[in-house]
């Protein structure tokens, strides 16, 4: 079955930066659209960013547009989320997710993803 593993979270001050990584264990995510979601404290899980299976198309939530950058390196089997100019509202557990079925377009709906990582905590605080 395999699993996704996120890393790179931590504590950062407002205005700071972090880079999250997502790597697959036990399978390849080639030809799969990949996405990042987050779950702030006491809130529902929400879409953050997605990169399509070709690595040429990206999509962002309005709240992170212009501050976050999603990318993928298939030879390195890694999906990245570069987060800049972090604000308090970015505090959340961040999850990497694999789109259900290969060659599917990007989606902002959690139910369209069938494999999730365990999450990595990002805390923005002064």
N, C-alpha and C. Protein backbone atom coordinates (compact mmCIF):
# COMPACT_ATOMS: atom_id res chain seq x y z
N UNK A 1 0.83 -1.20 0.00
CA UNK A 1 0.00 0.00 0.00
C UNK A 1 0.86 1.24 0.00
N UNK A 2 1.88 1.29 0.86
CA UNK A 2 2.75 2.43 0.93
C UNK A 2 2.20 3.53 1.81
N UNK A 3 3.00 4.56 2.01
CA UNK A 3 2.56 5.70 2.82
C UNK A 3 3.30 6.95 2.38
N UNK A 4 2.75 8.09 2.76
CA UNK A 4 3.39 9.39 2.53
C UNK A 4 3.95 9.88 3.86
N UNK A 5 5.13 10.49 3.79
CA UNK A 5 5.76 11.00 5.00
C UNK A 5 6.13 12.46 4.80
N UNK A 6 5.58 13.32 5.68
CA UNK A 6 5.89 14.74 5.63
C UNK A 6 7.00 15.08 6.62
N UNK A 7 7.75 16.12 6.30
CA UNK A 7 8.77 16.62 7.22
C UNK A 7 8.97 18.10 6.96
N UNK A 8 9.67 18.76 7.88
CA UNK A 8 10.02 20.16 7.68
C UNK A 8 9.22 21.15 8.51
N UNK A 9 8.24 20.66 9.25
CA UNK A 9 7.47 21.57 10.09
C UNK A 9 8.28 22.06 11.27
N UNK A 10 7.69 23.02 12.00
CA UNK A 10 8.38 23.55 13.17
C UNK A 10 7.77 24.83 13.65
N UNK A 11 8.48 25.50 14.54
CA UNK A 11 8.05 26.77 15.12
C UNK A 11 8.79 27.90 14.41
N UNK A 12 8.05 28.90 13.97
CA UNK A 12 8.65 30.01 13.24
C UNK A 12 7.95 31.30 13.63
N UNK A 13 8.67 32.41 13.58
CA UNK A 13 8.08 33.70 13.89
C UNK A 13 7.31 34.24 12.69
N UNK A 14 6.35 35.12 12.93
CA UNK A 14 5.64 35.75 11.80
C UNK A 14 6.63 36.40 10.84
N UNK A 15 6.38 36.20 9.56
CA UNK A 15 7.29 36.70 8.53
C UNK A 15 8.36 35.72 8.13
N UNK A 16 8.47 34.64 8.86
CA UNK A 16 9.50 33.64 8.59
C UNK A 16 9.11 32.68 7.47
N UNK A 17 9.98 31.70 7.24
CA UNK A 17 9.79 30.75 6.15
C UNK A 17 10.05 29.33 6.63
N UNK A 18 9.40 28.40 5.96
CA UNK A 18 9.64 26.97 6.15
C UNK A 18 9.47 26.27 4.81
N UNK A 19 10.12 25.13 4.66
CA UNK A 19 9.91 24.30 3.48
C UNK A 19 9.53 22.90 3.92
N UNK A 20 8.34 22.50 3.55
CA UNK A 20 7.85 21.17 3.87
C UNK A 20 8.21 20.21 2.73
N UNK A 21 8.42 18.95 3.11
CA UNK A 21 8.73 17.90 2.14
C UNK A 21 7.76 16.75 2.34
N UNK A 22 7.45 16.10 1.24
CA UNK A 22 6.59 14.91 1.27
C UNK A 22 7.25 13.85 0.41
N UNK A 23 7.49 12.70 0.99
CA UNK A 23 8.10 11.61 0.24
C UNK A 23 7.25 10.35 0.36
N UNK A 24 7.13 9.60 -0.72
CA UNK A 24 6.38 8.34 -0.66
C UNK A 24 7.28 7.20 -0.19
N UNK A 25 6.72 6.31 0.59
CA UNK A 25 7.43 5.13 1.03
C UNK A 25 6.66 3.91 0.54
N UNK A 26 7.31 3.11 -0.27
CA UNK A 26 6.69 1.88 -0.72
C UNK A 26 5.93 1.99 -2.03
N UNK A 27 5.96 3.20 -2.66
CA UNK A 27 5.31 3.34 -3.96
C UNK A 27 5.87 4.58 -4.64
N UNK A 28 5.55 4.75 -5.90
CA UNK A 28 5.97 5.93 -6.65
C UNK A 28 4.77 6.82 -6.90
N UNK A 29 4.95 8.15 -6.77
CA UNK A 29 3.83 9.04 -7.06
C UNK A 29 3.92 9.62 -8.48
N UNK A 30 4.75 9.02 -9.33
CA UNK A 30 4.79 9.44 -10.73
C UNK A 30 3.41 9.28 -11.35
N UNK A 31 2.97 10.30 -12.07
CA UNK A 31 1.67 10.35 -12.76
C UNK A 31 0.50 10.57 -11.80
N UNK A 32 0.79 10.87 -10.55
CA UNK A 32 -0.27 11.23 -9.62
C UNK A 32 -0.22 12.73 -9.34
N UNK A 33 -1.37 13.38 -9.39
CA UNK A 33 -1.48 14.73 -8.87
C UNK A 33 -1.32 14.68 -7.35
N UNK A 34 -0.58 15.65 -6.80
CA UNK A 34 -0.32 15.69 -5.36
C UNK A 34 -0.78 17.03 -4.79
N UNK A 35 -1.12 17.02 -3.51
CA UNK A 35 -1.64 18.24 -2.89
C UNK A 35 -1.20 18.34 -1.44
N UNK A 36 -1.31 19.57 -0.94
CA UNK A 36 -1.12 19.85 0.48
C UNK A 36 -2.44 20.38 1.04
N UNK A 37 -2.80 19.88 2.20
CA UNK A 37 -3.93 20.38 2.96
C UNK A 37 -3.41 20.75 4.35
N UNK A 38 -4.22 21.46 5.10
CA UNK A 38 -3.86 21.77 6.48
C UNK A 38 -5.11 21.77 7.35
N UNK A 39 -4.89 21.54 8.63
CA UNK A 39 -5.98 21.58 9.59
C UNK A 39 -5.57 22.45 10.76
N UNK A 40 -6.10 23.69 10.80
CA UNK A 40 -5.81 24.56 11.93
C UNK A 40 -6.49 24.04 13.20
N UNK A 41 -6.07 24.49 14.36
CA UNK A 41 -6.68 24.02 15.60
C UNK A 41 -8.19 24.25 15.62
N UNK A 42 -8.94 23.22 15.93
CA UNK A 42 -10.39 23.27 16.08
C UNK A 42 -11.11 23.70 14.80
N UNK A 43 -10.49 23.45 13.65
CA UNK A 43 -11.13 23.77 12.38
C UNK A 43 -11.08 22.57 11.45
N UNK A 44 -11.84 22.67 10.36
CA UNK A 44 -11.86 21.61 9.37
C UNK A 44 -10.58 21.62 8.53
N UNK A 45 -10.29 20.46 7.95
CA UNK A 45 -9.16 20.37 7.03
C UNK A 45 -9.46 21.22 5.80
N UNK A 46 -8.45 21.94 5.30
CA UNK A 46 -8.65 22.83 4.16
C UNK A 46 -7.53 22.67 3.13
N UNK A 47 -7.88 22.94 1.90
CA UNK A 47 -6.94 22.86 0.80
C UNK A 47 -5.92 23.98 0.90
N UNK A 48 -4.67 23.66 0.56
CA UNK A 48 -3.61 24.66 0.54
C UNK A 48 -3.06 24.84 -0.88
N UNK A 49 -2.60 23.74 -1.49
CA UNK A 49 -1.97 23.84 -2.80
C UNK A 49 -1.94 22.47 -3.45
N UNK A 50 -1.87 22.46 -4.78
CA UNK A 50 -1.76 21.22 -5.54
C UNK A 50 -0.83 21.41 -6.72
N UNK A 51 -0.21 20.30 -7.12
CA UNK A 51 0.61 20.29 -8.33
C UNK A 51 0.17 19.10 -9.15
N UNK A 52 -0.02 19.30 -10.44
CA UNK A 52 -0.57 18.22 -11.26
C UNK A 52 0.49 17.16 -11.55
N UNK A 53 0.04 16.08 -12.19
CA UNK A 53 0.90 14.92 -12.36
C UNK A 53 2.05 15.18 -13.34
N UNK A 54 1.95 16.25 -14.13
CA UNK A 54 3.05 16.62 -15.02
C UNK A 54 4.02 17.57 -14.35
N UNK A 55 3.59 18.18 -13.27
CA UNK A 55 4.43 19.16 -12.59
C UNK A 55 4.37 20.53 -13.23
N UNK A 56 3.47 20.72 -14.19
CA UNK A 56 3.38 22.01 -14.89
C UNK A 56 2.21 22.87 -14.43
N UNK A 57 1.24 22.26 -13.81
CA UNK A 57 0.08 23.00 -13.33
C UNK A 57 0.06 23.05 -11.81
N UNK A 58 -0.25 24.23 -11.26
CA UNK A 58 -0.34 24.39 -9.81
C UNK A 58 -1.60 25.17 -9.48
N UNK A 59 -2.06 25.00 -8.26
CA UNK A 59 -3.25 25.71 -7.80
C UNK A 59 -3.06 26.01 -6.32
N UNK A 60 -3.56 27.17 -5.90
CA UNK A 60 -3.38 27.59 -4.51
C UNK A 60 -4.69 28.10 -3.91
N UNK A 61 -4.82 27.91 -2.62
CA UNK A 61 -5.89 28.56 -1.90
C UNK A 61 -5.63 30.07 -1.90
N UNK A 62 -6.69 30.85 -1.90
CA UNK A 62 -6.54 32.31 -1.92
C UNK A 62 -5.71 32.80 -0.74
N UNK A 63 -5.84 32.12 0.39
CA UNK A 63 -5.17 32.58 1.61
C UNK A 63 -3.65 32.44 1.56
N UNK A 64 -3.13 31.62 0.63
CA UNK A 64 -1.68 31.42 0.57
C UNK A 64 -1.09 31.88 -0.76
N UNK A 65 -1.96 32.27 -1.69
CA UNK A 65 -1.49 32.72 -3.01
C UNK A 65 -0.45 33.84 -2.86
N UNK A 66 0.67 33.68 -3.55
CA UNK A 66 1.72 34.69 -3.50
C UNK A 66 2.71 34.50 -2.37
N UNK A 67 2.40 33.62 -1.42
CA UNK A 67 3.31 33.38 -0.29
C UNK A 67 3.86 31.96 -0.31
N UNK A 68 3.07 31.01 -0.79
CA UNK A 68 3.46 29.60 -0.81
C UNK A 68 3.75 29.17 -2.25
N UNK A 69 4.66 28.21 -2.39
CA UNK A 69 4.97 27.63 -3.69
C UNK A 69 5.04 26.12 -3.56
N UNK A 70 4.26 25.44 -4.39
CA UNK A 70 4.26 23.98 -4.41
C UNK A 70 5.04 23.51 -5.64
N UNK A 71 5.81 22.43 -5.47
CA UNK A 71 6.58 21.89 -6.58
C UNK A 71 6.81 20.40 -6.34
N UNK A 72 7.29 19.74 -7.38
CA UNK A 72 7.59 18.32 -7.25
C UNK A 72 8.88 18.00 -7.98
N UNK A 73 9.60 17.02 -7.47
CA UNK A 73 10.82 16.52 -8.09
C UNK A 73 10.65 15.01 -8.17
N UNK A 74 10.17 14.53 -9.29
CA UNK A 74 9.88 13.10 -9.41
C UNK A 74 11.13 12.23 -9.30
N UNK A 75 12.26 12.59 -9.93
CA UNK A 75 13.46 11.75 -9.76
C UNK A 75 13.87 11.62 -8.29
N UNK A 76 13.63 12.69 -7.52
CA UNK A 76 13.95 12.66 -6.09
C UNK A 76 12.78 12.17 -5.25
N UNK A 77 11.67 11.89 -5.92
CA UNK A 77 10.47 11.40 -5.22
C UNK A 77 10.09 12.32 -4.06
N UNK A 78 9.99 13.60 -4.33
CA UNK A 78 9.66 14.56 -3.28
C UNK A 78 8.71 15.63 -3.81
N UNK A 79 7.75 15.98 -2.99
CA UNK A 79 6.87 17.11 -3.23
C UNK A 79 7.20 18.16 -2.16
N UNK A 80 7.30 19.39 -2.58
CA UNK A 80 7.68 20.47 -1.66
C UNK A 80 6.55 21.48 -1.49
N UNK A 81 6.57 22.11 -0.34
CA UNK A 81 5.72 23.28 -0.11
C UNK A 81 6.61 24.33 0.54
N UNK A 82 6.98 25.33 -0.25
CA UNK A 82 7.79 26.44 0.23
C UNK A 82 6.84 27.50 0.78
N UNK A 83 7.01 27.83 2.06
CA UNK A 83 6.10 28.77 2.72
C UNK A 83 6.88 29.99 3.18
N UNK A 84 6.52 31.15 2.64
CA UNK A 84 7.20 32.40 2.97
C UNK A 84 6.21 33.38 3.60
N UNK A 85 6.76 34.37 4.28
CA UNK A 85 5.95 35.41 4.91
C UNK A 85 4.81 34.79 5.72
N UNK A 86 5.17 33.87 6.55
CA UNK A 86 4.17 33.15 7.35
C UNK A 86 3.46 34.09 8.32
N UNK A 87 2.19 33.82 8.51
CA UNK A 87 1.36 34.59 9.44
C UNK A 87 0.77 33.65 10.48
N UNK A 88 0.21 34.25 11.55
CA UNK A 88 -0.32 33.45 12.64
C UNK A 88 -1.36 32.44 12.16
N UNK A 89 -2.15 32.87 11.17
CA UNK A 89 -3.24 32.02 10.67
C UNK A 89 -2.76 30.80 9.89
N UNK A 90 -1.47 30.73 9.61
CA UNK A 90 -0.91 29.56 8.93
C UNK A 90 -0.63 28.41 9.90
N UNK A 91 -0.79 28.65 11.19
CA UNK A 91 -0.58 27.60 12.17
C UNK A 91 -1.56 26.47 11.94
N UNK A 92 -1.04 25.25 11.75
CA UNK A 92 -1.87 24.09 11.45
C UNK A 92 -1.00 22.85 11.35
N UNK A 93 -1.67 21.71 11.30
CA UNK A 93 -1.00 20.48 10.88
C UNK A 93 -1.13 20.40 9.37
N UNK A 94 -0.03 20.22 8.69
CA UNK A 94 0.00 20.18 7.24
C UNK A 94 0.13 18.73 6.76
N UNK A 95 -0.73 18.39 5.80
CA UNK A 95 -0.79 17.02 5.28
C UNK A 95 -0.50 17.00 3.79
N UNK A 96 0.24 16.01 3.38
CA UNK A 96 0.45 15.72 1.97
C UNK A 96 -0.57 14.66 1.56
N UNK A 97 -1.04 14.75 0.31
CA UNK A 97 -2.07 13.80 -0.13
C UNK A 97 -1.87 13.44 -1.60
N UNK A 98 -2.21 12.22 -1.92
CA UNK A 98 -2.13 11.71 -3.29
C UNK A 98 -3.53 11.64 -3.88
N UNK A 99 -3.66 12.19 -5.10
CA UNK A 99 -4.94 12.18 -5.81
C UNK A 99 -5.36 10.75 -6.12
N UNK A 100 -6.64 10.48 -5.95
CA UNK A 100 -7.16 9.16 -6.29
C UNK A 100 -7.00 8.92 -7.78
N UNK A 101 -6.33 7.86 -8.17
CA UNK A 101 -6.09 7.43 -9.56
C UNK A 101 -5.06 8.34 -10.24
N UNK A 102 -4.33 7.76 -11.16
CA UNK A 102 -3.30 8.50 -11.91
C UNK A 102 -3.95 9.38 -12.98
N UNK A 103 -3.19 10.36 -13.42
CA UNK A 103 -3.55 11.23 -14.54
C UNK A 103 -4.85 11.99 -14.29
N UNK A 104 -5.12 12.30 -13.04
CA UNK A 104 -6.32 13.04 -12.70
C UNK A 104 -5.98 14.50 -12.50
N UNK A 105 -6.92 15.41 -12.79
CA UNK A 105 -6.64 16.84 -12.61
C UNK A 105 -6.58 17.22 -11.14
N UNK A 106 -6.09 18.43 -10.91
CA UNK A 106 -6.02 18.93 -9.55
C UNK A 106 -7.42 19.10 -8.97
N UNK A 107 -7.52 18.95 -7.66
CA UNK A 107 -8.78 19.10 -6.97
C UNK A 107 -8.52 19.73 -5.61
N UNK A 108 -9.51 20.49 -5.13
CA UNK A 108 -9.43 21.10 -3.80
C UNK A 108 -10.26 20.32 -2.77
N UNK A 109 -10.81 19.19 -3.20
CA UNK A 109 -11.72 18.42 -2.37
C UNK A 109 -10.97 17.27 -1.70
N UNK A 110 -10.95 17.20 -0.37
CA UNK A 110 -10.21 16.13 0.30
C UNK A 110 -10.64 14.73 -0.11
N UNK A 111 -11.91 14.56 -0.42
CA UNK A 111 -12.42 13.23 -0.78
C UNK A 111 -11.87 12.71 -2.10
N UNK A 112 -11.25 13.59 -2.88
CA UNK A 112 -10.65 13.17 -4.15
C UNK A 112 -9.24 12.61 -3.97
N UNK A 113 -8.77 12.56 -2.73
CA UNK A 113 -7.41 12.06 -2.44
C UNK A 113 -7.54 10.81 -1.58
N UNK A 114 -6.76 9.80 -1.92
CA UNK A 114 -6.95 8.50 -1.25
C UNK A 114 -5.79 8.08 -0.36
N UNK A 115 -4.70 8.85 -0.36
CA UNK A 115 -3.58 8.51 0.51
C UNK A 115 -3.07 9.80 1.16
N UNK A 116 -2.88 9.71 2.48
CA UNK A 116 -2.50 10.87 3.27
C UNK A 116 -1.30 10.56 4.15
N UNK A 117 -0.49 11.57 4.40
CA UNK A 117 0.58 11.41 5.36
C UNK A 117 0.07 11.59 6.78
N UNK A 118 0.98 11.49 7.73
CA UNK A 118 0.61 11.61 9.14
C UNK A 118 0.53 13.07 9.58
N UNK A 119 1.06 13.96 8.76
CA UNK A 119 1.02 15.38 9.07
C UNK A 119 2.27 15.89 9.75
N UNK A 120 2.54 17.17 9.55
CA UNK A 120 3.65 17.83 10.23
C UNK A 120 3.16 19.16 10.78
N UNK A 121 3.50 19.46 12.01
CA UNK A 121 2.99 20.65 12.69
C UNK A 121 3.78 21.88 12.28
N UNK A 122 3.05 22.92 11.90
CA UNK A 122 3.64 24.24 11.65
C UNK A 122 3.01 25.21 12.63
N UNK A 123 3.84 25.86 13.42
CA UNK A 123 3.36 26.82 14.40
C UNK A 123 4.03 28.16 14.14
N UNK A 124 3.20 29.17 13.90
CA UNK A 124 3.69 30.53 13.69
C UNK A 124 3.35 31.33 14.94
N UNK A 125 4.39 31.79 15.61
CA UNK A 125 4.17 32.49 16.88
C UNK A 125 5.35 33.40 17.17
N UNK A 126 5.05 34.54 17.79
CA UNK A 126 6.11 35.45 18.20
C UNK A 126 6.52 35.18 19.64
